[in-house]
N, C-alpha and C. Protein backbone atom coordinates (compact mmCIF):
# COMPACT_ATOMS: atom_id res chain seq x y z
N MET A 1 0.85 -1.17 0.00
CA MET A 1 0.00 0.00 0.00
C MET A 1 0.90 1.23 0.00
N VAL A 2 1.00 1.88 -1.12
CA VAL A 2 1.85 3.05 -1.23
C VAL A 2 1.05 4.30 -0.86
N ARG A 3 1.60 5.05 0.05
CA ARG A 3 1.02 6.34 0.45
C ARG A 3 2.15 7.20 0.96
N ASP A 4 1.94 8.49 1.04
CA ASP A 4 2.95 9.36 1.61
C ASP A 4 3.09 9.08 3.10
N PHE A 5 4.27 9.34 3.62
CA PHE A 5 4.48 9.24 5.06
C PHE A 5 3.74 10.38 5.75
N THR A 6 3.28 10.13 6.97
CA THR A 6 2.58 11.15 7.74
C THR A 6 3.29 11.34 9.07
N ASP A 7 2.91 12.39 9.79
CA ASP A 7 3.49 12.62 11.12
C ASP A 7 3.28 11.43 12.04
N ASP A 8 2.22 10.66 11.84
CA ASP A 8 1.95 9.48 12.66
C ASP A 8 3.00 8.39 12.46
N ASP A 9 3.75 8.45 11.36
CA ASP A 9 4.77 7.44 11.09
C ASP A 9 6.07 7.69 11.86
N ARG A 10 6.23 8.89 12.40
CA ARG A 10 7.44 9.19 13.18
C ARG A 10 7.55 8.23 14.36
N ASN A 11 8.76 7.80 14.62
CA ASN A 11 9.10 6.89 15.73
C ASN A 11 8.61 5.46 15.52
N LYS A 12 8.07 5.14 14.36
CA LYS A 12 7.70 3.75 14.07
C LYS A 12 8.95 2.97 13.69
N ARG A 13 8.93 1.69 14.04
CA ARG A 13 10.00 0.79 13.63
C ARG A 13 9.87 0.49 12.14
N VAL A 14 10.98 0.35 11.46
CA VAL A 14 11.02 -0.09 10.07
C VAL A 14 11.55 -1.51 10.09
N VAL A 15 10.78 -2.43 9.49
CA VAL A 15 11.18 -3.84 9.49
C VAL A 15 11.19 -4.38 8.07
N THR A 16 12.01 -5.40 7.86
CA THR A 16 12.05 -6.07 6.57
C THR A 16 10.78 -6.91 6.39
N ALA A 17 10.61 -7.47 5.22
CA ALA A 17 9.46 -8.33 4.96
C ALA A 17 9.45 -9.53 5.90
N GLU A 18 10.64 -9.92 6.37
CA GLU A 18 10.76 -11.07 7.27
C GLU A 18 10.59 -10.67 8.74
N GLY A 19 10.47 -9.36 9.01
CA GLY A 19 10.24 -8.90 10.38
C GLY A 19 11.49 -8.46 11.12
N ASN A 20 12.63 -8.42 10.45
CA ASN A 20 13.87 -7.96 11.10
C ASN A 20 13.89 -6.44 11.14
N GLU A 21 14.20 -5.90 12.30
CA GLU A 21 14.18 -4.45 12.46
C GLU A 21 15.37 -3.80 11.76
N VAL A 22 15.07 -2.75 10.99
CA VAL A 22 16.07 -2.00 10.25
C VAL A 22 16.42 -0.71 10.97
N GLY A 23 15.41 -0.05 11.54
CA GLY A 23 15.62 1.22 12.22
C GLY A 23 14.31 1.84 12.63
N THR A 24 14.37 3.15 12.89
CA THR A 24 13.21 3.91 13.36
C THR A 24 13.07 5.17 12.53
N ILE A 25 11.85 5.50 12.16
CA ILE A 25 11.62 6.72 11.38
C ILE A 25 11.78 7.93 12.29
N ARG A 26 12.68 8.82 11.89
CA ARG A 26 12.94 10.03 12.65
C ARG A 26 12.15 11.22 12.11
N ASP A 27 12.07 11.34 10.78
CA ASP A 27 11.41 12.50 10.19
C ASP A 27 10.71 12.06 8.92
N VAL A 28 9.68 12.79 8.53
CA VAL A 28 8.92 12.48 7.32
C VAL A 28 8.78 13.73 6.46
N ASN A 29 8.72 13.49 5.15
CA ASN A 29 8.53 14.58 4.20
C ASN A 29 7.92 14.01 2.93
N GLY A 30 6.59 13.95 2.89
CA GLY A 30 5.90 13.44 1.71
C GLY A 30 6.18 11.97 1.48
N ASP A 31 6.81 11.65 0.32
CA ASP A 31 7.07 10.26 -0.02
C ASP A 31 8.42 9.77 0.48
N ARG A 32 9.03 10.53 1.39
CA ARG A 32 10.35 10.16 1.94
C ARG A 32 10.35 10.29 3.46
N ALA A 33 11.12 9.40 4.07
CA ALA A 33 11.29 9.43 5.53
C ALA A 33 12.77 9.23 5.84
N THR A 34 13.23 9.87 6.90
CA THR A 34 14.59 9.66 7.37
C THR A 34 14.57 8.58 8.44
N VAL A 35 15.42 7.58 8.28
CA VAL A 35 15.46 6.44 9.18
C VAL A 35 16.78 6.42 9.93
N ASP A 36 16.69 6.31 11.25
CA ASP A 36 17.87 6.06 12.07
C ASP A 36 18.05 4.56 12.13
N ARG A 37 19.14 4.08 11.54
CA ARG A 37 19.36 2.64 11.41
C ARG A 37 19.78 1.99 12.72
N ASN A 38 19.42 0.72 12.84
CA ASN A 38 19.78 -0.11 14.00
C ASN A 38 20.69 -1.22 13.54
N ASP A 39 21.81 -0.90 12.93
CA ASP A 39 22.67 -1.99 12.47
C ASP A 39 23.99 -2.03 13.22
N ASP A 40 23.95 -1.69 14.52
CA ASP A 40 25.14 -1.75 15.35
C ASP A 40 25.74 -3.16 15.38
N ASP A 41 24.85 -4.15 15.33
CA ASP A 41 25.32 -5.53 15.41
C ASP A 41 25.61 -6.13 14.03
N GLY A 42 25.55 -5.32 12.99
CA GLY A 42 25.80 -5.82 11.64
C GLY A 42 24.66 -6.64 11.09
N GLY A 43 23.48 -6.57 11.71
CA GLY A 43 22.35 -7.38 11.30
C GLY A 43 21.67 -6.92 10.03
N LEU A 44 21.93 -5.70 9.60
CA LEU A 44 21.31 -5.20 8.39
C LEU A 44 22.12 -5.71 7.20
N THR A 45 21.52 -6.58 6.43
CA THR A 45 22.25 -7.25 5.37
C THR A 45 22.58 -6.31 4.22
N ASP A 46 23.63 -6.67 3.51
CA ASP A 46 24.02 -5.89 2.33
C ASP A 46 22.90 -5.89 1.29
N LYS A 47 22.13 -6.97 1.23
CA LYS A 47 21.04 -7.06 0.27
C LYS A 47 19.98 -5.99 0.56
N VAL A 48 19.64 -5.79 1.83
CA VAL A 48 18.66 -4.77 2.21
C VAL A 48 19.25 -3.39 1.96
N LYS A 49 20.50 -3.18 2.32
CA LYS A 49 21.15 -1.88 2.07
C LYS A 49 21.16 -1.56 0.59
N ASP A 50 21.48 -2.54 -0.24
CA ASP A 50 21.50 -2.33 -1.69
C ASP A 50 20.11 -1.99 -2.22
N LEU A 51 19.10 -2.71 -1.74
CA LEU A 51 17.72 -2.46 -2.16
C LEU A 51 17.33 -1.02 -1.89
N LEU A 52 17.69 -0.52 -0.71
CA LEU A 52 17.30 0.83 -0.30
C LEU A 52 18.27 1.91 -0.77
N GLY A 53 19.41 1.51 -1.33
CA GLY A 53 20.40 2.47 -1.78
C GLY A 53 21.15 3.14 -0.63
N TRP A 54 21.30 2.43 0.49
CA TRP A 54 21.95 2.98 1.67
C TRP A 54 23.43 2.63 1.67
N ASP A 55 24.25 3.57 2.19
CA ASP A 55 25.67 3.30 2.38
C ASP A 55 25.94 3.09 3.86
N ASP A 56 27.09 3.50 4.35
CA ASP A 56 27.46 3.21 5.74
C ASP A 56 27.16 4.35 6.71
N ASP A 57 26.32 5.31 6.35
CA ASP A 57 25.94 6.38 7.27
C ASP A 57 25.01 5.85 8.36
N ASP A 58 24.80 6.65 9.41
CA ASP A 58 23.94 6.24 10.52
C ASP A 58 22.45 6.40 10.24
N SER A 59 22.08 7.32 9.37
CA SER A 59 20.68 7.50 9.03
C SER A 59 20.54 7.58 7.53
N ASP A 60 19.40 7.17 7.04
CA ASP A 60 19.20 7.12 5.60
C ASP A 60 17.76 7.42 5.23
N GLU A 61 17.56 7.66 3.97
CA GLU A 61 16.25 8.02 3.45
C GLU A 61 15.50 6.78 2.97
N LEU A 62 14.24 6.72 3.31
CA LEU A 62 13.36 5.65 2.87
C LEU A 62 12.28 6.25 2.00
N ARG A 63 12.09 5.71 0.81
CA ARG A 63 11.03 6.16 -0.09
C ARG A 63 9.83 5.22 0.01
N THR A 64 8.66 5.76 -0.23
CA THR A 64 7.45 4.94 -0.14
C THR A 64 7.46 3.77 -1.12
N ASP A 65 8.24 3.87 -2.19
CA ASP A 65 8.33 2.78 -3.18
C ASP A 65 8.76 1.47 -2.55
N TYR A 66 9.50 1.54 -1.43
CA TYR A 66 10.04 0.36 -0.79
C TYR A 66 9.14 -0.19 0.32
N VAL A 67 8.01 0.46 0.57
CA VAL A 67 7.13 0.08 1.67
C VAL A 67 6.04 -0.85 1.18
N ASP A 68 5.83 -1.92 1.93
CA ASP A 68 4.75 -2.86 1.63
C ASP A 68 3.50 -2.52 2.43
N SER A 69 3.67 -2.21 3.74
CA SER A 69 2.50 -1.93 4.57
C SER A 69 2.87 -1.07 5.77
N TYR A 70 1.85 -0.47 6.36
CA TYR A 70 1.98 0.36 7.54
C TYR A 70 1.00 -0.16 8.59
N ASP A 71 1.40 -0.16 9.86
CA ASP A 71 0.43 -0.42 10.92
C ASP A 71 0.73 0.53 12.08
N ASP A 72 0.12 0.30 13.22
CA ASP A 72 0.24 1.24 14.34
C ASP A 72 1.66 1.38 14.87
N ASP A 73 2.47 0.32 14.76
CA ASP A 73 3.79 0.31 15.39
C ASP A 73 4.96 0.25 14.42
N GLN A 74 4.69 -0.15 13.18
CA GLN A 74 5.82 -0.37 12.28
C GLN A 74 5.47 -0.13 10.82
N VAL A 75 6.53 0.04 10.04
CA VAL A 75 6.45 0.15 8.59
C VAL A 75 7.20 -1.05 8.05
N ARG A 76 6.53 -1.86 7.25
CA ARG A 76 7.14 -3.10 6.72
C ARG A 76 7.58 -2.87 5.28
N LEU A 77 8.83 -3.24 5.01
CA LEU A 77 9.40 -3.10 3.67
C LEU A 77 8.90 -4.21 2.77
N ARG A 78 8.88 -3.94 1.48
CA ARG A 78 8.51 -4.98 0.52
C ARG A 78 9.68 -5.95 0.37
N ARG A 79 9.39 -7.10 -0.15
CA ARG A 79 10.44 -8.11 -0.35
C ARG A 79 11.41 -7.61 -1.42
N SER A 80 12.68 -7.93 -1.21
CA SER A 80 13.68 -7.58 -2.21
C SER A 80 13.59 -8.57 -3.36
N ARG A 81 14.02 -8.12 -4.48
CA ARG A 81 13.92 -8.98 -5.68
C ARG A 81 15.17 -9.76 -5.89
């Protein structure tokens, strides 16, 4: 379900299609959100980073194109190809 991010999405967890936590949404701006990543333990795979176009910075931008669904607590990413 593609929609613009809203203020209600701030502080939601971002998880992969498999349910692994990627980070938390810090800020929103239309079809983009800034995510503070949780990859201190190296758990964020290179495949997910490549899908999202992220490098080794601490926070990154998430576009609605990569979102599969939204609920009260989290934003779930679509499956990588």
